[in-house]
Protein backbone atom coordinates (compact mmCIF):
# COMPACT_ATOMS: atom_id res chain seq x y z
CA UNK A 1 -45.55 39.02 -27.74
CA UNK A 2 -43.95 39.69 -24.69
CA UNK A 3 -45.95 37.04 -23.53
CA UNK A 4 -45.28 34.68 -26.52
CA UNK A 5 -41.57 35.14 -25.95
CA UNK A 6 -41.61 34.48 -21.79
CA UNK A 7 -43.85 31.23 -22.12
CA UNK A 8 -41.19 30.16 -25.29
CA UNK A 9 -38.27 31.03 -22.64
CA UNK A 10 -39.55 29.33 -19.84
CA UNK A 11 -40.35 26.65 -22.47
CA UNK A 12 -36.88 26.12 -22.96
CA UNK A 13 -35.75 26.07 -19.58
CA UNK A 14 -37.56 23.42 -18.67
CA UNK A 15 -36.70 21.38 -21.50
CA UNK A 16 -33.05 22.51 -20.38
CA UNK A 17 -33.68 21.50 -16.68
CA UNK A 18 -35.38 18.45 -17.46
CA UNK A 19 -32.47 17.04 -19.68
CA UNK A 20 -30.16 18.19 -17.21
CA UNK A 21 -31.76 16.24 -14.59
CA UNK A 22 -32.02 12.98 -16.74
CA UNK A 23 -28.22 13.31 -17.94
CA UNK A 24 -27.04 14.00 -13.93
CA UNK A 25 -29.50 10.54 -13.05
CA UNK A 26 -28.30 8.14 -16.24
CA UNK A 27 -24.30 9.28 -14.75
CA UNK A 28 -25.07 8.57 -11.55
CA UNK A 29 -22.65 6.31 -9.06
CA UNK A 30 -25.54 3.84 -8.64
CA UNK A 31 -25.85 3.83 -12.66
CA UNK A 32 -22.61 3.29 -13.46
CA UNK A 33 -22.11 0.03 -11.74
CA UNK A 34 -25.84 -1.15 -13.20
CA UNK A 35 -23.72 -0.84 -15.89
CA UNK A 36 -20.66 -1.64 -15.51
CA UNK A 37 -19.98 -4.74 -17.24
CA UNK A 38 -17.46 -7.78 -16.09
CA UNK A 39 -14.92 -7.02 -18.39
CA UNK A 40 -13.94 -4.35 -19.57
CA UNK A 41 -12.56 -3.86 -22.98
CA UNK A 42 -8.83 -4.37 -22.32
CA UNK A 43 -10.01 -7.43 -21.26
CA UNK A 44 -9.50 -6.94 -17.12
CA UNK A 45 -11.75 -7.73 -14.44
CA UNK A 46 -14.30 -4.74 -13.40
CA UNK A 47 -14.86 -4.47 -9.90
CA UNK A 48 -16.75 -2.68 -7.69
CA UNK A 49 -15.46 -1.51 -3.88
CA UNK A 50 -17.41 -1.05 -1.23
CA UNK A 51 -15.16 -1.58 2.25
CA UNK A 52 -11.73 0.21 1.81
CA UNK A 53 -8.63 -1.16 3.03
CA UNK A 54 -7.90 -1.06 6.59
CA UNK A 55 -12.24 -0.42 7.46
CA UNK A 56 -13.67 -1.83 10.24
CA UNK A 57 -17.53 -1.06 9.29
CA UNK A 58 -18.89 -3.59 6.67
CA UNK A 59 -20.54 -1.14 4.03
CA UNK A 60 -22.17 -2.99 1.08
CA UNK A 61 -24.13 -1.68 -1.56
CA UNK A 62 -27.85 -1.72 -1.43
CA UNK A 63 -29.77 -2.91 -4.27
CA UNK A 64 -32.94 -1.60 -3.71
CA UNK A 65 -31.68 1.98 -2.40
CA UNK A 66 -28.63 2.36 -4.66
CA UNK A 67 -26.57 3.71 -2.09
CA UNK A 68 -23.49 2.38 -0.50
CA UNK A 69 -24.69 1.68 3.47
CA UNK A 70 -22.87 -0.15 6.35
CA UNK A 71 -24.95 -3.55 6.98
CA UNK A 72 -27.14 -3.80 9.73
CA UNK A 73 -27.58 -7.08 12.22
CA UNK A 74 -30.08 -6.77 14.81
CA UNK A 75 -30.83 -3.54 13.77
CA UNK A 76 -27.06 -1.77 14.93
CA UNK A 77 -24.37 -1.54 12.11
CA UNK A 78 -21.86 -3.93 11.89
CA UNK A 79 -18.08 -3.45 12.65
CA UNK A 80 -15.88 -5.86 12.52
CA UNK A 81 -14.79 -6.88 16.05
CA UNK A 82 -11.12 -7.84 14.41
CA UNK A 83 -8.38 -6.25 12.72
CA UNK A 84 -9.80 -4.27 9.71
CA UNK A 85 -10.08 -5.41 6.30
CA UNK A 86 -6.94 -6.76 4.78
CA UNK A 87 -7.40 -5.28 1.28
CA UNK A 88 -9.69 -3.12 -0.29
CA UNK A 89 -13.18 -5.29 -0.19
CA UNK A 90 -15.99 -5.19 -3.18
CA UNK A 91 -17.86 -7.49 -5.70
CA UNK A 92 -17.11 -8.40 -9.48
CA UNK A 93 -19.56 -6.15 -11.92
CA UNK A 94 -22.66 -7.56 -13.04
CA UNK A 95 -21.96 -11.02 -11.54
CA UNK A 96 -24.43 -13.41 -9.57
CA UNK A 97 -23.68 -16.15 -7.22
CA UNK A 98 -26.91 -18.48 -7.71
CA UNK A 99 -28.65 -19.97 -5.22
CA UNK A 100 -29.99 -22.68 -6.43
CA UNK A 101 -27.34 -24.21 -7.38
CA UNK A 102 -25.25 -23.79 -3.98
CA UNK A 103 -24.31 -19.56 -3.94
CA UNK A 104 -24.86 -17.36 -1.79
CA UNK A 105 -27.40 -14.65 -3.42
CA UNK A 106 -24.83 -11.93 -4.40
CA UNK A 107 -22.23 -10.92 -6.78
CA UNK A 108 -18.72 -12.72 -6.29
CA UNK A 109 -16.53 -11.21 -3.79
CA UNK A 110 -13.16 -9.69 -4.54
CA UNK A 111 -10.60 -8.79 -2.40
CA UNK A 112 -8.21 -5.85 -4.26
CA UNK A 113 -4.91 -5.66 -3.02
CA UNK A 114 -3.68 -2.28 -3.32
CA UNK A 115 -3.39 0.79 -1.39
CA UNK A 116 -6.64 1.99 0.53
CA UNK A 117 -9.84 3.05 -2.25
CA UNK A 118 -12.70 5.27 -1.99
CA UNK A 119 -16.84 3.55 -1.32
CA UNK A 120 -17.56 3.57 -4.96
CA UNK A 121 -14.23 3.22 -6.70
CA UNK A 122 -14.76 1.15 -9.64
CA UNK A 123 -11.57 -0.45 -10.46
CA UNK A 124 -10.12 -2.66 -13.57
CA UNK A 125 -8.03 -5.84 -11.88
CA UNK A 126 -6.57 -8.98 -12.66
CA UNK A 127 -7.21 -12.10 -10.78
CA UNK A 128 -4.46 -14.32 -9.47
CA UNK A 129 -6.19 -16.50 -7.38
CA UNK A 130 -9.52 -17.22 -5.12
CA UNK A 131 -9.82 -18.29 -1.64
CA UNK A 132 -12.57 -20.81 -1.48
CA UNK A 133 -15.32 -21.07 1.30
CA UNK A 134 -18.22 -22.71 2.59
CA UNK A 135 -20.57 -20.72 4.35
CA UNK A 136 -24.04 -21.87 6.10
CA UNK A 137 -23.34 -24.55 3.57
CA UNK A 138 -23.43 -21.76 0.55
CA UNK A 139 -19.99 -21.53 -1.92
CA UNK A 140 -18.56 -18.05 -1.07
CA UNK A 141 -15.40 -17.57 -2.67
CA UNK A 142 -12.96 -14.60 -2.41
CA UNK A 143 -11.46 -13.10 -5.47
CA UNK A 144 -8.12 -12.02 -5.50
CA UNK A 145 -7.20 -9.58 -7.32
CA UNK A 146 -4.37 -7.06 -8.24
CA UNK A 147 -4.84 -3.36 -9.77
CA UNK A 148 -4.50 -3.49 -13.82
CA UNK A 149 -2.66 -0.05 -13.56
CA UNK A 150 0.89 -1.40 -12.45
CA UNK A 151 1.66 2.20 -10.86
CA UNK A 152 -1.25 1.10 -8.31
CA UNK A 153 0.29 -2.14 -7.25
CA UNK A 154 1.53 -3.43 -4.05
CA UNK A 155 2.02 -6.50 -4.66
CA UNK A 156 4.45 -7.63 -7.58
CA UNK A 157 2.56 -10.97 -8.50
CA UNK A 158 1.74 -11.79 -11.60
CA UNK A 159 -0.22 -15.32 -10.63
CA UNK A 160 -0.99 -17.55 -8.00
CA UNK A 161 2.46 -18.92 -8.28
CA UNK A 162 4.25 -16.22 -8.27
CA UNK A 163 2.02 -14.55 -5.20
CA UNK A 164 2.38 -17.71 -3.23
CA UNK A 165 6.18 -18.00 -4.02
CA UNK A 166 6.50 -14.31 -3.02
CA UNK A 167 4.13 -13.59 -0.08
CA UNK A 168 3.11 -16.61 1.20
CA UNK A 169 2.72 -15.05 4.84
CA UNK A 170 0.31 -12.55 2.90
CA UNK A 171 -1.94 -15.73 1.89
CA UNK A 172 -2.09 -17.43 5.46
CA UNK A 173 -3.37 -13.90 6.84
CA UNK A 174 -6.21 -13.41 4.13
CA UNK A 175 -7.58 -17.04 4.93
CA UNK A 176 -6.77 -16.39 9.08
CA UNK A 177 -9.36 -12.91 8.05
CA UNK A 178 -11.78 -14.63 6.56
CA UNK A 179 -12.01 -17.26 8.94
CA UNK A 180 -11.85 -15.41 12.39
CA UNK A 181 -13.55 -11.60 11.04
CA UNK A 182 -17.01 -12.64 12.02
CA UNK A 183 -17.65 -14.76 15.29
CA UNK A 184 -21.17 -15.35 14.88
CA UNK A 185 -21.09 -16.93 10.95
CA UNK A 186 -18.13 -19.62 11.12
CA UNK A 187 -16.90 -20.85 8.13
CA UNK A 188 -15.11 -23.70 6.43
CA UNK A 189 -11.85 -23.33 4.49
CA UNK A 190 -12.35 -25.64 1.16
CA UNK A 191 -8.80 -23.60 -0.10
CA UNK A 192 -6.99 -21.70 -3.03
CA UNK A 193 -7.36 -21.75 -6.43
CA UNK A 194 -5.10 -20.06 -9.35
CA UNK A 195 -5.70 -17.49 -11.28
CA UNK A 196 -7.15 -20.15 -13.76
CA UNK A 197 -9.96 -21.31 -11.65
CA UNK A 198 -10.32 -17.73 -10.42
CA UNK A 199 -11.10 -16.29 -14.31
CA UNK A 200 -13.28 -19.36 -14.61
CA UNK A 201 -15.42 -18.48 -11.19
CA UNK A 202 -15.82 -14.89 -12.88
CA UNK A 203 -16.91 -16.04 -16.47
CA UNK A 204 -19.04 -18.66 -14.72
CA UNK A 205 -21.03 -15.89 -12.62
CA UNK A 206 -20.66 -13.34 -15.52
CA UNK A 207 -24.25 -11.64 -16.05
CA UNK A 208 -24.91 -10.28 -20.06
CA UNK A 209 -25.51 -6.86 -19.98
CA UNK A 210 -28.74 -6.09 -21.80
CA UNK A 211 -28.72 -3.71 -24.40
């Protein structure tokens, strides 16, 4: 009888451990990223932060390793030899820029204007514009967003027209930064688009979530 109880207890503990490990795995940061839709229930845009504002290391989310790590170039970590990132850089959840249609094969880039956010942060935002670049012949758009939560905002602008009027130097700063931060990979500035154009690009590249 004691042996039966011992085996039962061990089986019960094994089941609990398996359930716990499965739950932890499913709730890991990587799983949250893969399961985050482009738009929230409140119709805001979900952004994944890779590089905190003020950072000089080019951190990226690796889909294979499912980890955030500093990007490598020629076997060395990519350090931005220019001013640090002027905003929180990352990508818009569940988007993909198709190479066969002129995209770069990556999710849609985003720059979230607010105080520094940690790598891996998933944040609801509102797009207020888009900087349109051409990088090695491929479209490389940078959507500019502000937090949906007004308490997190450092920029008081609801749309591109207001942003342009209140912060004209900020637009110039962002454009200058993306034009000069990588000397080995020059880009061509195609211009700016407003919040409607930014939203249209997000919707165009949004990938439906698998049920």
